[in-house]
Amino acid sequence: MKVEVKLFGAFRAHDPGATLELELPEGARVADLREALDRHARAHWPAYRPELLKASAFASETTVLRDAEHVPDGVPMAVLPPVSGG
């Protein structure tokens, strides 16, 4: 299945369109999406920092999902890096 991934925060700097389309197997879990994004990033983003992806969350339009949960079919996903500030 094809999954649209919207990029936010530091990830947005890697891709001018701020959106990717990744191919995942049917029934994929969020952990599979994380791995697919990691592979894409290592291949295409020279300044990519894997530790940032490890600390990031994935969300549908309404819910933050854990790695063990299924990626909803046909629903855009967002990768949300940790935020800090004051």
N, C-alpha and C. Protein backbone atom coordinates (compact mmCIF):
# COMPACT_ATOMS: atom_id res chain seq x y z
N MET A 1 0.84 -1.17 0.00
CA MET A 1 0.00 0.00 0.00
C MET A 1 0.89 1.24 0.00
N LYS A 2 0.38 2.29 -0.59
CA LYS A 2 1.12 3.55 -0.62
C LYS A 2 0.65 4.41 0.54
N VAL A 3 1.63 5.00 1.22
CA VAL A 3 1.33 5.84 2.38
C VAL A 3 1.92 7.23 2.16
N GLU A 4 1.07 8.23 2.27
CA GLU A 4 1.54 9.61 2.20
C GLU A 4 2.04 10.01 3.58
N VAL A 5 3.26 10.54 3.62
CA VAL A 5 3.87 10.95 4.89
C VAL A 5 4.14 12.45 4.81
N LYS A 6 3.54 13.18 5.72
CA LYS A 6 3.76 14.63 5.80
C LYS A 6 4.91 14.88 6.76
N LEU A 7 5.81 15.75 6.36
CA LEU A 7 7.01 16.05 7.15
C LEU A 7 6.84 17.35 7.91
N PHE A 8 7.25 17.35 9.16
CA PHE A 8 7.17 18.53 10.00
C PHE A 8 8.50 18.77 10.69
N GLY A 9 8.67 19.96 11.22
CA GLY A 9 9.87 20.30 11.98
C GLY A 9 11.14 20.13 11.16
N ALA A 10 12.14 19.52 11.76
CA ALA A 10 13.45 19.35 11.11
C ALA A 10 13.36 18.50 9.85
N PHE A 11 12.39 17.60 9.77
CA PHE A 11 12.27 16.76 8.58
C PHE A 11 11.87 17.57 7.35
N ARG A 12 11.15 18.64 7.56
CA ARG A 12 10.68 19.47 6.45
C ARG A 12 11.87 20.08 5.69
N ALA A 13 12.97 20.33 6.36
CA ALA A 13 14.14 20.91 5.71
C ALA A 13 14.77 19.96 4.69
N HIS A 14 14.51 18.65 4.81
CA HIS A 14 15.10 17.66 3.91
C HIS A 14 14.37 17.55 2.59
N ASP A 15 13.12 17.94 2.55
CA ASP A 15 12.32 17.74 1.34
C ASP A 15 11.46 18.98 1.09
N PRO A 16 11.68 19.68 -0.01
CA PRO A 16 10.96 20.92 -0.26
C PRO A 16 9.44 20.76 -0.34
N GLY A 17 8.97 19.60 -0.78
CA GLY A 17 7.53 19.39 -0.88
C GLY A 17 6.88 19.07 0.45
N ALA A 18 7.67 18.72 1.44
CA ALA A 18 7.20 18.38 2.80
C ALA A 18 6.25 17.20 2.83
N THR A 19 6.20 16.42 1.74
CA THR A 19 5.37 15.23 1.69
C THR A 19 6.09 14.15 0.88
N LEU A 20 6.04 12.93 1.37
CA LEU A 20 6.61 11.78 0.67
C LEU A 20 5.53 10.74 0.45
N GLU A 21 5.77 9.87 -0.50
CA GLU A 21 4.91 8.71 -0.66
C GLU A 21 5.80 7.48 -0.55
N LEU A 22 5.50 6.63 0.42
CA LEU A 22 6.29 5.42 0.66
C LEU A 22 5.42 4.20 0.42
N GLU A 23 6.05 3.14 -0.05
CA GLU A 23 5.37 1.88 -0.31
C GLU A 23 5.58 0.95 0.90
N LEU A 24 4.48 0.43 1.42
CA LEU A 24 4.53 -0.49 2.55
C LEU A 24 3.69 -1.72 2.21
N PRO A 25 3.99 -2.87 2.83
CA PRO A 25 3.16 -4.04 2.60
C PRO A 25 1.79 -3.87 3.27
N GLU A 26 0.78 -4.53 2.75
CA GLU A 26 -0.54 -4.50 3.38
C GLU A 26 -0.41 -4.96 4.82
N GLY A 27 -1.14 -4.33 5.71
CA GLY A 27 -1.10 -4.70 7.12
C GLY A 27 0.11 -4.18 7.86
N ALA A 28 0.84 -3.23 7.25
CA ALA A 28 2.06 -2.71 7.88
C ALA A 28 1.74 -2.00 9.19
N ARG A 29 2.70 -2.03 10.06
CA ARG A 29 2.60 -1.35 11.35
C ARG A 29 3.43 -0.06 11.28
N VAL A 30 3.25 0.77 12.28
CA VAL A 30 3.98 2.04 12.33
C VAL A 30 5.49 1.78 12.35
N ALA A 31 5.93 0.71 13.00
CA ALA A 31 7.37 0.37 13.00
C ALA A 31 7.87 0.14 11.57
N ASP A 32 7.04 -0.45 10.71
CA ASP A 32 7.41 -0.65 9.31
C ASP A 32 7.52 0.68 8.59
N LEU A 33 6.62 1.59 8.89
CA LEU A 33 6.67 2.93 8.31
C LEU A 33 7.93 3.65 8.75
N ARG A 34 8.28 3.53 10.02
CA ARG A 34 9.50 4.16 10.55
C ARG A 34 10.72 3.62 9.80
N GLU A 35 10.77 2.31 9.59
CA GLU A 35 11.91 1.70 8.88
C GLU A 35 11.96 2.15 7.42
N ALA A 36 10.80 2.25 6.77
CA ALA A 36 10.76 2.69 5.38
C ALA A 36 11.23 4.14 5.26
N LEU A 37 10.82 4.98 6.19
CA LEU A 37 11.26 6.37 6.16
C LEU A 37 12.76 6.47 6.44
N ASP A 38 13.27 5.64 7.33
CA ASP A 38 14.70 5.62 7.62
C ASP A 38 15.49 5.23 6.37
N ARG A 39 15.03 4.20 5.65
CA ARG A 39 15.72 3.79 4.41
C ARG A 39 15.69 4.93 3.38
N HIS A 40 14.55 5.56 3.22
CA HIS A 40 14.43 6.67 2.27
C HIS A 40 15.38 7.80 2.67
N ALA A 41 15.37 8.15 3.93
CA ALA A 41 16.19 9.26 4.42
C ALA A 41 17.68 8.99 4.23
N ARG A 42 18.12 7.79 4.55
CA ARG A 42 19.54 7.45 4.37
C ARG A 42 19.96 7.53 2.91
N ALA A 43 19.04 7.22 2.01
CA ALA A 43 19.35 7.23 0.58
C ALA A 43 19.26 8.62 -0.05
N HIS A 44 18.44 9.51 0.52
CA HIS A 44 18.15 10.77 -0.16
C HIS A 44 18.48 12.05 0.61
N TRP A 45 18.70 11.97 1.90
CA TRP A 45 18.91 13.17 2.70
C TRP A 45 20.30 13.16 3.32
N PRO A 46 21.27 13.86 2.73
CA PRO A 46 22.65 13.83 3.24
C PRO A 46 22.79 14.28 4.70
N ALA A 47 21.97 15.20 5.16
CA ALA A 47 22.09 15.72 6.53
C ALA A 47 21.17 14.98 7.51
N TYR A 48 20.63 13.85 7.11
CA TYR A 48 19.69 13.08 7.95
C TYR A 48 20.35 12.61 9.24
N ARG A 49 19.60 12.72 10.34
CA ARG A 49 20.06 12.24 11.65
C ARG A 49 19.10 11.14 12.13
N PRO A 50 19.51 9.88 12.08
CA PRO A 50 18.63 8.77 12.46
C PRO A 50 18.09 8.88 13.88
N GLU A 51 18.85 9.47 14.78
CA GLU A 51 18.39 9.57 16.17
C GLU A 51 17.14 10.44 16.29
N LEU A 52 16.98 11.39 15.38
CA LEU A 52 15.79 12.23 15.40
C LEU A 52 14.55 11.41 15.04
N LEU A 53 14.68 10.54 14.06
CA LEU A 53 13.55 9.69 13.67
C LEU A 53 13.19 8.73 14.80
N LYS A 54 14.18 8.21 15.50
CA LYS A 54 13.92 7.29 16.61
C LYS A 54 13.10 7.96 17.71
N ALA A 55 13.28 9.27 17.90
CA ALA A 55 12.57 10.00 18.95
C ALA A 55 11.26 10.63 18.46
N SER A 56 10.95 10.44 17.19
CA SER A 56 9.76 11.08 16.61
C SER A 56 8.52 10.21 16.74
N ALA A 57 7.38 10.86 16.67
CA ALA A 57 6.09 10.17 16.72
C ALA A 57 5.46 10.17 15.33
N PHE A 58 4.59 9.21 15.11
CA PHE A 58 3.80 9.17 13.88
C PHE A 58 2.34 9.33 14.25
N ALA A 59 1.62 10.08 13.42
CA ALA A 59 0.22 10.35 13.71
C ALA A 59 -0.62 10.30 12.44
N SER A 60 -1.86 9.85 12.62
CA SER A 60 -2.85 9.98 11.55
C SER A 60 -3.42 11.39 11.69
N GLU A 61 -4.50 11.66 11.02
CA GLU A 61 -5.10 12.99 11.13
C GLU A 61 -5.71 13.25 12.51
N THR A 62 -5.96 12.17 13.28
CA THR A 62 -6.64 12.33 14.56
C THR A 62 -5.93 11.70 15.75
N THR A 63 -4.94 10.81 15.51
CA THR A 63 -4.38 10.02 16.59
C THR A 63 -2.88 9.84 16.46
N VAL A 64 -2.15 9.95 17.57
CA VAL A 64 -0.75 9.57 17.60
C VAL A 64 -0.72 8.05 17.76
N LEU A 65 0.07 7.39 16.90
CA LEU A 65 0.10 5.93 16.86
C LEU A 65 1.42 5.39 17.39
N ARG A 66 1.36 4.29 18.07
CA ARG A 66 2.56 3.60 18.56
C ARG A 66 3.10 2.66 17.49
N ASP A 67 4.36 2.27 17.63
CA ASP A 67 5.00 1.43 16.62
C ASP A 67 4.28 0.12 16.35
N ALA A 68 3.61 -0.45 17.34
CA ALA A 68 2.94 -1.74 17.17
C ALA A 68 1.58 -1.64 16.48
N GLU A 69 1.08 -0.42 16.31
CA GLU A 69 -0.25 -0.24 15.70
C GLU A 69 -0.16 -0.28 14.19
N HIS A 70 -1.27 -0.69 13.56
CA HIS A 70 -1.33 -0.75 12.10
C HIS A 70 -1.42 0.66 11.51
N VAL A 71 -0.79 0.82 10.36
CA VAL A 71 -0.91 2.08 9.61
C VAL A 71 -2.29 2.05 8.95
N PRO A 72 -3.11 3.05 9.19
CA PRO A 72 -4.44 3.05 8.57
C PRO A 72 -4.33 3.18 7.05
N ASP A 73 -5.05 2.36 6.34
CA ASP A 73 -5.02 2.36 4.88
C ASP A 73 -5.72 3.60 4.33
N GLY A 74 -5.04 4.30 3.44
CA GLY A 74 -5.63 5.45 2.78
C GLY A 74 -5.66 6.73 3.60
N VAL A 75 -4.99 6.73 4.74
CA VAL A 75 -4.97 7.90 5.62
C VAL A 75 -3.58 8.51 5.61
N PRO A 76 -3.45 9.81 5.32
CA PRO A 76 -2.13 10.44 5.39
C PRO A 76 -1.55 10.35 6.81
N MET A 77 -0.26 10.14 6.88
CA MET A 77 0.43 10.06 8.16
C MET A 77 1.37 11.25 8.28
N ALA A 78 1.67 11.63 9.51
CA ALA A 78 2.62 12.71 9.77
C ALA A 78 3.73 12.18 10.66
N VAL A 79 4.95 12.60 10.38
CA VAL A 79 6.07 12.30 11.27
C VAL A 79 6.36 13.57 12.05
N LEU A 80 6.32 13.45 13.37
CA LEU A 80 6.41 14.60 14.26
C LEU A 80 7.65 14.50 15.14
N PRO A 81 8.68 15.29 14.83
CA PRO A 81 9.88 15.26 15.66
C PRO A 81 9.59 15.88 17.02
N PRO A 82 10.40 15.53 18.02
CA PRO A 82 10.22 16.15 19.33
C PRO A 82 10.40 17.67 19.24
N VAL A 83 9.71 18.35 20.10
CA VAL A 83 9.74 19.82 20.10
C VAL A 83 10.27 20.30 21.45
N SER A 84 11.10 21.32 21.41
CA SER A 84 11.54 21.92 22.66
C SER A 84 11.50 23.44 22.49
N GLY A 85 11.49 24.10 23.54
CA GLY A 85 11.44 25.56 23.47
C GLY A 85 11.19 26.14 24.84
N GLY A 86 11.03 27.42 24.88
CA GLY A 86 10.86 28.03 26.17
C GLY A 86 9.92 29.18 26.15
